[in-house]
Amino acid sequence: QVQLEESGGGLVQAGDSLRLSCAASGRTFSRLIMGWFRQAPGKEREFVAALSWRGRTKIYADSVKGRFTISRDNDKNTVDLQMKNLKPEDTAVYYCAADEGVTNIPSRGSMGYDYWGQGTQVTVSS
């Protein structure tokens, strides 16, 4: 079992920055693919970013590429999402997710993740 807890959400203005953090416990963190997803009201959950066990491979949704950066600290068991130049369309609940699969290949599909956090709200006003 893996427990995930997100933090860092809030209300910001367009153009601002925000950093989300996810703390993991319960399993060897360094062997988990970690990802961030988001879900806006009335929309399906969508992929944001993910990274491999040591963070050497990172993938991003086109909508956030160049503005968001995912990173991890395997000593602290955390994964962060640095978000810059936020836009109103970034408003959503952001979820941290963990994939305990044996392959070290980050996935864009939510079905590839085994554990999810409760989510943290990010609201970007125009």
Foldseek 3Di string as FASTA:
>chain_A
DKAKAKDWADEEAAQAKTKMKIAMDDDQLLQKKKFKWWDDPPGDIFGAKIAFSQRPDIDGDPVQPPFWDWDDDSVRRMIMIIGGRDDQVVWTWMKMFIANDPDRDDDGDPVRTDDIYPTDTHGYHD
